[in-house]
Amino acid sequence: MSYAGSTGNVIAALCNILFPGLGQLIQGRLLFAAFLFVTITVGYWFWFLIFPGIIAALLHLFSIINAATYKAMD
């Protein structure tokens, strides 16, 4: 995963579509992955309140884009 848009980043982004934070976990960013998973899951759990569901959906989209464009610090 040496540059943004590499094959590893694309796989991480695809993993994020199914499970929020899984892509960041694959990239080795454990705390950020745990934060995303918990926050998005709780937001989707309270979808009936509308606002948490919207925030969770936007954060989920951010996590997918973030995994796809991540560039590791060498």
PDB file of N, CA and C in Angstrom:
ATOM      1  N   MET A   1       0.828  -1.179   0.000  1.00  0.00           N
ATOM      2  CA  MET A   1       0.000   0.000   0.000  1.00  0.00           C
ATOM      3  C   MET A   1       0.873   1.242   0.000  1.00  0.00           C
ATOM      4  N   SER A   2       1.614   1.432  -1.046  1.00  0.00           N
ATOM      5  CA  SER A   2       2.580   2.507  -1.074  1.00  0.00           C
ATOM      6  C   SER A   2       2.024   3.835  -1.553  1.00  0.00           C
ATOM      7  N   TYR A   3       0.925   3.836  -2.304  1.00  0.00           N
ATOM      8  CA  TYR A   3       0.399   5.101  -2.791  1.00  0.00           C
ATOM      9  C   TYR A   3      -1.126   5.049  -2.847  1.00  0.00           C
ATOM     10  N   ALA A   4      -1.738   6.233  -2.887  1.00  0.00           N
ATOM     11  CA  ALA A   4      -3.194   6.304  -2.930  1.00  0.00           C
ATOM     12  C   ALA A   4      -3.713   5.683  -4.217  1.00  0.00           C
ATOM     13  N   GLY A   5      -4.755   4.875  -4.119  1.00  0.00           N
ATOM     14  CA  GLY A   5      -5.339   4.224  -5.279  1.00  0.00           C
ATOM     15  C   GLY A   5      -4.688   2.912  -5.652  1.00  0.00           C
ATOM     16  N   SER A   6      -3.759   2.428  -4.846  1.00  0.00           N
ATOM     17  CA  SER A   6      -3.112   1.151  -5.138  1.00  0.00           C
ATOM     18  C   SER A   6      -4.107   0.011  -4.937  1.00  0.00           C
ATOM     19  N   THR A   7      -3.736  -1.163  -5.364  1.00  0.00           N
ATOM     20  CA  THR A   7      -4.626  -2.322  -5.273  1.00  0.00           C
ATOM     21  C   THR A   7      -5.028  -2.603  -3.832  1.00  0.00           C
ATOM     22  N   GLY A   8      -4.080  -2.470  -2.915  1.00  0.00           N
ATOM     23  CA  GLY A   8      -4.397  -2.693  -1.501  1.00  0.00           C
ATOM     24  C   GLY A   8      -5.428  -1.714  -0.980  1.00  0.00           C
ATOM     25  N   ASN A   9      -5.344  -0.470  -1.428  1.00  0.00           N
ATOM     26  CA  ASN A   9      -6.312   0.534  -0.995  1.00  0.00           C
ATOM     27  C   ASN A   9      -7.696   0.266  -1.590  1.00  0.00           C
ATOM     28  N   VAL A  10      -7.735  -0.218  -2.809  1.00  0.00           N
ATOM     29  CA  VAL A  10      -9.017  -0.547  -3.430  1.00  0.00           C
ATOM     30  C   VAL A  10      -9.674  -1.714  -2.693  1.00  0.00           C
ATOM     31  N   ILE A  11      -8.891  -2.705  -2.338  1.00  0.00           N
ATOM     32  CA  ILE A  11      -9.423  -3.840  -1.568  1.00  0.00           C
ATOM     33  C   ILE A  11      -9.919  -3.375  -0.204  1.00  0.00           C
ATOM     34  N   ALA A  12      -9.163  -2.479   0.435  1.00  0.00           N
ATOM     35  CA  ALA A  12      -9.582  -1.937   1.728  1.00  0.00           C
ATOM     36  C   ALA A  12     -10.892  -1.165   1.596  1.00  0.00           C
ATOM     37  N   ALA A  13     -11.039  -0.399   0.531  1.00  0.00           N
ATOM     38  CA  ALA A  13     -12.276   0.354   0.320  1.00  0.00           C
ATOM     39  C   ALA A  13     -13.451  -0.593   0.086  1.00  0.00           C
ATOM     40  N   LEU A  14     -13.235  -1.653  -0.669  1.00  0.00           N
ATOM     41  CA  LEU A  14     -14.300  -2.631  -0.899  1.00  0.00           C
ATOM     42  C   LEU A  14     -14.695  -3.338   0.393  1.00  0.00           C
ATOM     43  N   CYS A  15     -13.730  -3.606   1.249  1.00  0.00           N
ATOM     44  CA  CYS A  15     -14.032  -4.221   2.548  1.00  0.00           C
ATOM     45  C   CYS A  15     -14.848  -3.268   3.420  1.00  0.00           C
ATOM     46  N   ASN A  16     -14.579  -1.975   3.292  1.00  0.00           N
ATOM     47  CA  ASN A  16     -15.313  -0.978   4.064  1.00  0.00           C
ATOM     48  C   ASN A  16     -16.770  -0.885   3.653  1.00  0.00           C
ATOM     49  N   ILE A  17     -17.080  -1.243   2.431  1.00  0.00           N
ATOM     50  CA  ILE A  17     -18.473  -1.194   1.997  1.00  0.00           C
ATOM     51  C   ILE A  17     -19.309  -2.180   2.806  1.00  0.00           C
ATOM     52  N   LEU A  18     -18.756  -3.366   3.055  1.00  0.00           N
ATOM     53  CA  LEU A  18     -19.501  -4.390   3.791  1.00  0.00           C
ATOM     54  C   LEU A  18     -19.463  -4.175   5.299  1.00  0.00           C
ATOM     55  N   PHE A  19     -18.282  -3.884   5.831  1.00  0.00           N
ATOM     56  CA  PHE A  19     -18.113  -3.700   7.274  1.00  0.00           C
ATOM     57  C   PHE A  19     -17.346  -2.408   7.523  1.00  0.00           C
ATOM     58  N   PRO A  20     -17.975  -1.419   8.125  1.00  0.00           N
ATOM     59  CA  PRO A  20     -17.287  -0.149   8.378  1.00  0.00           C
ATOM     60  C   PRO A  20     -16.045  -0.362   9.242  1.00  0.00           C
ATOM     61  N   GLY A  21     -14.933   0.193   8.804  1.00  0.00           N
ATOM     62  CA  GLY A  21     -13.692   0.109   9.560  1.00  0.00           C
ATOM     63  C   GLY A  21     -12.815  -1.073   9.191  1.00  0.00           C
ATOM     64  N   LEU A  22     -13.347  -2.041   8.449  1.00  0.00           N
ATOM     65  CA  LEU A  22     -12.551  -3.216   8.094  1.00  0.00           C
ATOM     66  C   LEU A  22     -11.387  -2.829   7.186  1.00  0.00           C
ATOM     67  N   GLY A  23     -11.601  -1.893   6.306  1.00  0.00           N
ATOM     68  CA  GLY A  23     -10.519  -1.444   5.421  1.00  0.00           C
ATOM     69  C   GLY A  23      -9.379  -0.810   6.187  1.00  0.00           C
ATOM     70  N   GLN A  24      -9.723   0.012   7.184  1.00  0.00           N
ATOM     71  CA  GLN A  24      -8.681   0.619   8.015  1.00  0.00           C
ATOM     72  C   GLN A  24      -7.961  -0.441   8.837  1.00  0.00           C
ATOM     73  N   LEU A  25      -8.683  -1.463   9.258  1.00  0.00           N
ATOM     74  CA  LEU A  25      -8.062  -2.565   9.998  1.00  0.00           C
ATOM     75  C   LEU A  25      -7.075  -3.312   9.120  1.00  0.00           C
ATOM     76  N   ILE A  26      -7.430  -3.543   7.873  1.00  0.00           N
ATOM     77  CA  ILE A  26      -6.529  -4.199   6.929  1.00  0.00           C
ATOM     78  C   ILE A  26      -5.276  -3.367   6.712  1.00  0.00           C
ATOM     79  N   GLN A  27      -5.439  -2.046   6.723  1.00  0.00           N
ATOM     80  CA  GLN A  27      -4.305  -1.140   6.520  1.00  0.00           C
ATOM     81  C   GLN A  27      -3.457  -0.979   7.781  1.00  0.00           C
ATOM     82  N   GLY A  28      -3.886  -1.558   8.885  1.00  0.00           N
ATOM     83  CA  GLY A  28      -3.101  -1.519  10.112  1.00  0.00           C
ATOM     84  C   GLY A  28      -3.426  -0.357  11.031  1.00  0.00           C
ATOM     85  N   ARG A  29      -4.552   0.289  10.835  1.00  0.00           N
ATOM     86  CA  ARG A  29      -4.955   1.428  11.668  1.00  0.00           C
ATOM     87  C   ARG A  29      -6.049   0.961  12.627  1.00  0.00           C
ATOM     88  N   LEU A  30      -5.628   0.308  13.699  1.00  0.00           N
ATOM     89  CA  LEU A  30      -6.535  -0.376  14.617  1.00  0.00           C
ATOM     90  C   LEU A  30      -7.481   0.577  15.343  1.00  0.00           C
ATOM     91  N   LEU A  31      -6.970   1.636  15.944  1.00  0.00           N
ATOM     92  CA  LEU A  31      -7.820   2.531  16.735  1.00  0.00           C
ATOM     93  C   LEU A  31      -8.836   3.260  15.869  1.00  0.00           C
ATOM     94  N   PHE A  32      -8.403   3.724  14.705  1.00  0.00           N
ATOM     95  CA  PHE A  32      -9.314   4.408  13.788  1.00  0.00           C
ATOM     96  C   PHE A  32     -10.386   3.446  13.289  1.00  0.00           C
ATOM     97  N   ALA A  33     -10.004   2.199  13.037  1.00  0.00           N
ATOM     98  CA  ALA A  33     -10.959   1.183  12.591  1.00  0.00           C
ATOM     99  C   ALA A  33     -12.002   0.910  13.673  1.00  0.00           C
ATOM    100  N   ALA A  34     -11.557   0.785  14.909  1.00  0.00           N
ATOM    101  CA  ALA A  34     -12.485   0.537  16.016  1.00  0.00           C
ATOM    102  C   ALA A  34     -13.428   1.722  16.205  1.00  0.00           C
ATOM    103  N   PHE A  35     -12.894   2.935  16.103  1.00  0.00           N
ATOM    104  CA  PHE A  35     -13.727   4.129  16.224  1.00  0.00           C
ATOM    105  C   PHE A  35     -14.796   4.165  15.137  1.00  0.00           C
ATOM    106  N   LEU A  36     -14.393   3.914  13.898  1.00  0.00           N
ATOM    107  CA  LEU A  36     -15.352   3.938  12.795  1.00  0.00           C
ATOM    108  C   LEU A  36     -16.411   2.861  12.958  1.00  0.00           C
ATOM    109  N   PHE A  37     -15.997   1.655  13.308  1.00  0.00           N
ATOM    110  CA  PHE A  37     -16.952   0.555  13.448  1.00  0.00           C
ATOM    111  C   PHE A  37     -17.989   0.863  14.519  1.00  0.00           C
ATOM    112  N   VAL A  38     -17.533   1.292  15.677  1.00  0.00           N
ATOM    113  CA  VAL A  38     -18.462   1.556  16.779  1.00  0.00           C
ATOM    114  C   VAL A  38     -19.381   2.732  16.454  1.00  0.00           C
ATOM    115  N   THR A  39     -18.815   3.821  15.945  1.00  0.00           N
ATOM    116  CA  THR A  39     -19.609   5.013  15.661  1.00  0.00           C
ATOM    117  C   THR A  39     -20.646   4.759  14.572  1.00  0.00           C
ATOM    118  N   ILE A  40     -20.243   4.124  13.497  1.00  0.00           N
ATOM    119  CA  ILE A  40     -21.169   3.872  12.395  1.00  0.00           C
ATOM    120  C   ILE A  40     -22.229   2.842  12.794  1.00  0.00           C
ATOM    121  N   THR A  41     -21.836   1.820  13.528  1.00  0.00           N
ATOM    122  CA  THR A  41     -22.792   0.804  13.964  1.00  0.00           C
ATOM    123  C   THR A  41     -23.847   1.399  14.894  1.00  0.00           C
ATOM    124  N   VAL A  42     -23.419   2.217  15.830  1.00  0.00           N
ATOM    125  CA  VAL A  42     -24.378   2.863  16.741  1.00  0.00           C
ATOM    126  C   VAL A  42     -25.289   3.811  15.966  1.00  0.00           C
ATOM    127  N   GLY A  43     -24.717   4.545  15.013  1.00  0.00           N
ATOM    128  CA  GLY A  43     -25.530   5.447  14.198  1.00  0.00           C
ATOM    129  C   GLY A  43     -26.570   4.707  13.391  1.00  0.00           C
ATOM    130  N   TYR A  44     -26.192   3.583  12.794  1.00  0.00           N
ATOM    131  CA  TYR A  44     -27.157   2.780  12.035  1.00  0.00           C
ATOM    132  C   TYR A  44     -28.174   2.117  12.964  1.00  0.00           C
ATOM    133  N   TRP A  45     -27.764   1.792  14.169  1.00  0.00           N
ATOM    134  CA  TRP A  45     -28.683   1.177  15.120  1.00  0.00           C
ATOM    135  C   TRP A  45     -29.822   2.133  15.467  1.00  0.00           C
ATOM    136  N   PHE A  46     -29.506   3.438  15.542  1.00  0.00           N
ATOM    137  CA  PHE A  46     -30.514   4.446  15.876  1.00  0.00           C
ATOM    138  C   PHE A  46     -31.023   5.164  14.629  1.00  0.00           C
ATOM    139  N   TRP A  47     -31.178   4.426  13.515  1.00  0.00           N
ATOM    140  CA  TRP A  47     -31.620   5.005  12.255  1.00  0.00           C
ATOM    141  C   TRP A  47     -32.978   5.672  12.371  1.00  0.00           C
ATOM    142  N   PHE A  48     -33.824   5.188  13.257  1.00  0.00           N
ATOM    143  CA  PHE A  48     -35.180   5.709  13.383  1.00  0.00           C
ATOM    144  C   PHE A  48     -35.213   7.134  13.926  1.00  0.00           C
ATOM    145  N   LEU A  49     -34.102   7.589  14.509  1.00  0.00           N
ATOM    146  CA  LEU A  49     -34.020   8.979  14.969  1.00  0.00           C
ATOM    147  C   LEU A  49     -33.581   9.917  13.841  1.00  0.00           C
ATOM    148  N   ILE A  50     -33.357   9.388  12.681  1.00  0.00           N
ATOM    149  CA  ILE A  50     -33.006  10.053  11.429  1.00  0.00           C
ATOM    150  C   ILE A  50     -31.627  10.707  11.480  1.00  0.00           C
ATOM    151  N   PHE A  51     -31.380  11.626  12.379  1.00  0.00           N
ATOM    152  CA  PHE A  51     -30.100  12.338  12.410  1.00  0.00           C
ATOM    153  C   PHE A  51     -28.903  11.406  12.614  1.00  0.00           C
ATOM    154  N   PRO A  52     -28.937  10.465  13.579  1.00  0.00           N
ATOM    155  CA  PRO A  52     -27.796   9.541  13.704  1.00  0.00           C
ATOM    156  C   PRO A  52     -27.588   8.687  12.455  1.00  0.00           C
ATOM    157  N   GLY A  53     -28.666   8.330  11.775  1.00  0.00           N
ATOM    158  CA  GLY A  53     -28.546   7.545  10.552  1.00  0.00           C
ATOM    159  C   GLY A  53     -27.873   8.329   9.437  1.00  0.00           C
ATOM    160  N   ILE A  54     -28.174   9.612   9.338  1.00  0.00           N
ATOM    161  CA  ILE A  54     -27.549  10.455   8.324  1.00  0.00           C
ATOM    162  C   ILE A  54     -26.062  10.628   8.623  1.00  0.00           C
ATOM    163  N   ILE A  55     -25.745  10.893   9.887  1.00  0.00           N
ATOM    164  CA  ILE A  55     -24.338  11.038  10.281  1.00  0.00           C
ATOM    165  C   ILE A  55     -23.586   9.737  10.032  1.00  0.00           C
ATOM    166  N   ALA A  56     -24.195   8.603  10.366  1.00  0.00           N
ATOM    167  CA  ALA A  56     -23.546   7.304  10.156  1.00  0.00           C
ATOM    168  C   ALA A  56     -23.311   7.048   8.675  1.00  0.00           C
ATOM    169  N   ALA A  57     -24.276   7.385   7.827  1.00  0.00           N
ATOM    170  CA  ALA A  57     -24.124   7.175   6.390  1.00  0.00           C
ATOM    171  C   ALA A  57     -22.998   8.047   5.830  1.00  0.00           C
ATOM    172  N   LEU A  58     -22.921   9.294   6.264  1.00  0.00           N
ATOM    173  CA  LEU A  58     -21.839  10.182   5.812  1.00  0.00           C
ATOM    174  C   LEU A  58     -20.486   9.707   6.310  1.00  0.00           C
ATOM    175  N   LEU A  59     -20.433   9.250   7.555  1.00  0.00           N
ATOM    176  CA  LEU A  59     -19.181   8.729   8.111  1.00  0.00           C
ATOM    177  C   LEU A  59     -18.780   7.435   7.413  1.00  0.00           C
ATOM    178  N   HIS A  60     -19.747   6.620   7.039  1.00  0.00           N
ATOM    179  CA  HIS A  60     -19.467   5.385   6.309  1.00  0.00           C
ATOM    180  C   HIS A  60     -18.866   5.716   4.937  1.00  0.00           C
ATOM    181  N   LEU A  61     -19.447   6.694   4.249  1.00  0.00           N
ATOM    182  CA  LEU A  61     -18.910   7.139   2.971  1.00  0.00           C
ATOM    183  C   LEU A  61     -17.496   7.687   3.130  1.00  0.00           C
ATOM    184  N   PHE A  62     -17.273   8.472   4.202  1.00  0.00           N
ATOM    185  CA  PHE A  62     -15.937   8.992   4.478  1.00  0.00           C
ATOM    186  C   PHE A  62     -14.940   7.863   4.700  1.00  0.00           C
ATOM    187  N   SER A  63     -15.352   6.820   5.424  1.00  0.00           N
ATOM    188  CA  SER A  63     -14.430   5.718   5.712  1.00  0.00           C
ATOM    189  C   SER A  63     -14.044   4.974   4.433  1.00  0.00           C
ATOM    190  N   ILE A  64     -14.973   4.847   3.495  1.00  0.00           N
ATOM    191  CA  ILE A  64     -14.668   4.195   2.225  1.00  0.00           C
ATOM    192  C   ILE A  64     -13.674   5.023   1.424  1.00  0.00           C
ATOM    193  N   ILE A  65     -13.929   6.317   1.333  1.00  0.00           N
ATOM    194  CA  ILE A  65     -13.031   7.210   0.592  1.00  0.00           C
ATOM    195  C   ILE A  65     -11.671   7.296   1.270  1.00  0.00           C
ATOM    196  N   ASN A  66     -11.670   7.336   2.592  1.00  0.00           N
ATOM    197  CA  ASN A  66     -10.416   7.410   3.350  1.00  0.00           C
ATOM    198  C   ASN A  66      -9.563   6.167   3.126  1.00  0.00           C
ATOM    199  N   ALA A  67     -10.189   5.005   3.079  1.00  0.00           N
ATOM    200  CA  ALA A  67      -9.425   3.770   2.836  1.00  0.00           C
ATOM    201  C   ALA A  67      -8.876   3.738   1.419  1.00  0.00           C
ATOM    202  N   ALA A  68      -9.621   4.273   0.466  1.00  0.00           N
ATOM    203  CA  ALA A  68      -9.191   4.257  -0.927  1.00  0.00           C
ATOM    204  C   ALA A  68      -8.062   5.229  -1.189  1.00  0.00           C
ATOM    205  N   THR A  69      -7.979   6.316  -0.442  1.00  0.00           N
ATOM    206  CA  THR A  69      -6.978   7.347  -0.698  1.00  0.00           C
ATOM    207  C   THR A  69      -5.870   7.382   0.340  1.00  0.00           C
ATOM    208  N   TYR A  70      -5.823   6.403   1.220  1.00  0.00           N
ATOM    209  CA  TYR A  70      -4.819   6.382   2.295  1.00  0.00           C
ATOM    210  C   TYR A  70      -3.407   6.214   1.728  1.00  0.00           C
ATOM    211  N   LYS A  71      -2.482   6.986   2.249  1.00  0.00           N
ATOM    212  CA  LYS A  71      -1.080   6.859   1.882  1.00  0.00           C
ATOM    213  C   LYS A  71      -0.282   6.675   3.174  1.00  0.00           C
ATOM    214  N   ALA A  72       0.381   5.545   3.291  1.00  0.00           N
ATOM    215  CA  ALA A  72       1.146   5.225   4.493  1.00  0.00           C
ATOM    216  C   ALA A  72       2.366   6.133   4.622  1.00  0.00           C
ATOM    217  N   MET A  73       2.676   6.502   5.843  1.00  0.00           N
ATOM    218  CA  MET A  73       3.869   7.289   6.113  1.00  0.00           C
ATOM    219  C   MET A  73       5.066   6.348   6.123  1.00  0.00           C
ATOM    220  N   ASP A  74       6.014   6.581   5.251  1.00  0.00           N
ATOM    221  CA  ASP A  74       7.207   5.718   5.176  1.00  0.00           C
ATOM    222  C   ASP A  74       8.362   6.294   5.928  1.00  0.00           C
TER     223      ASP A  74
END
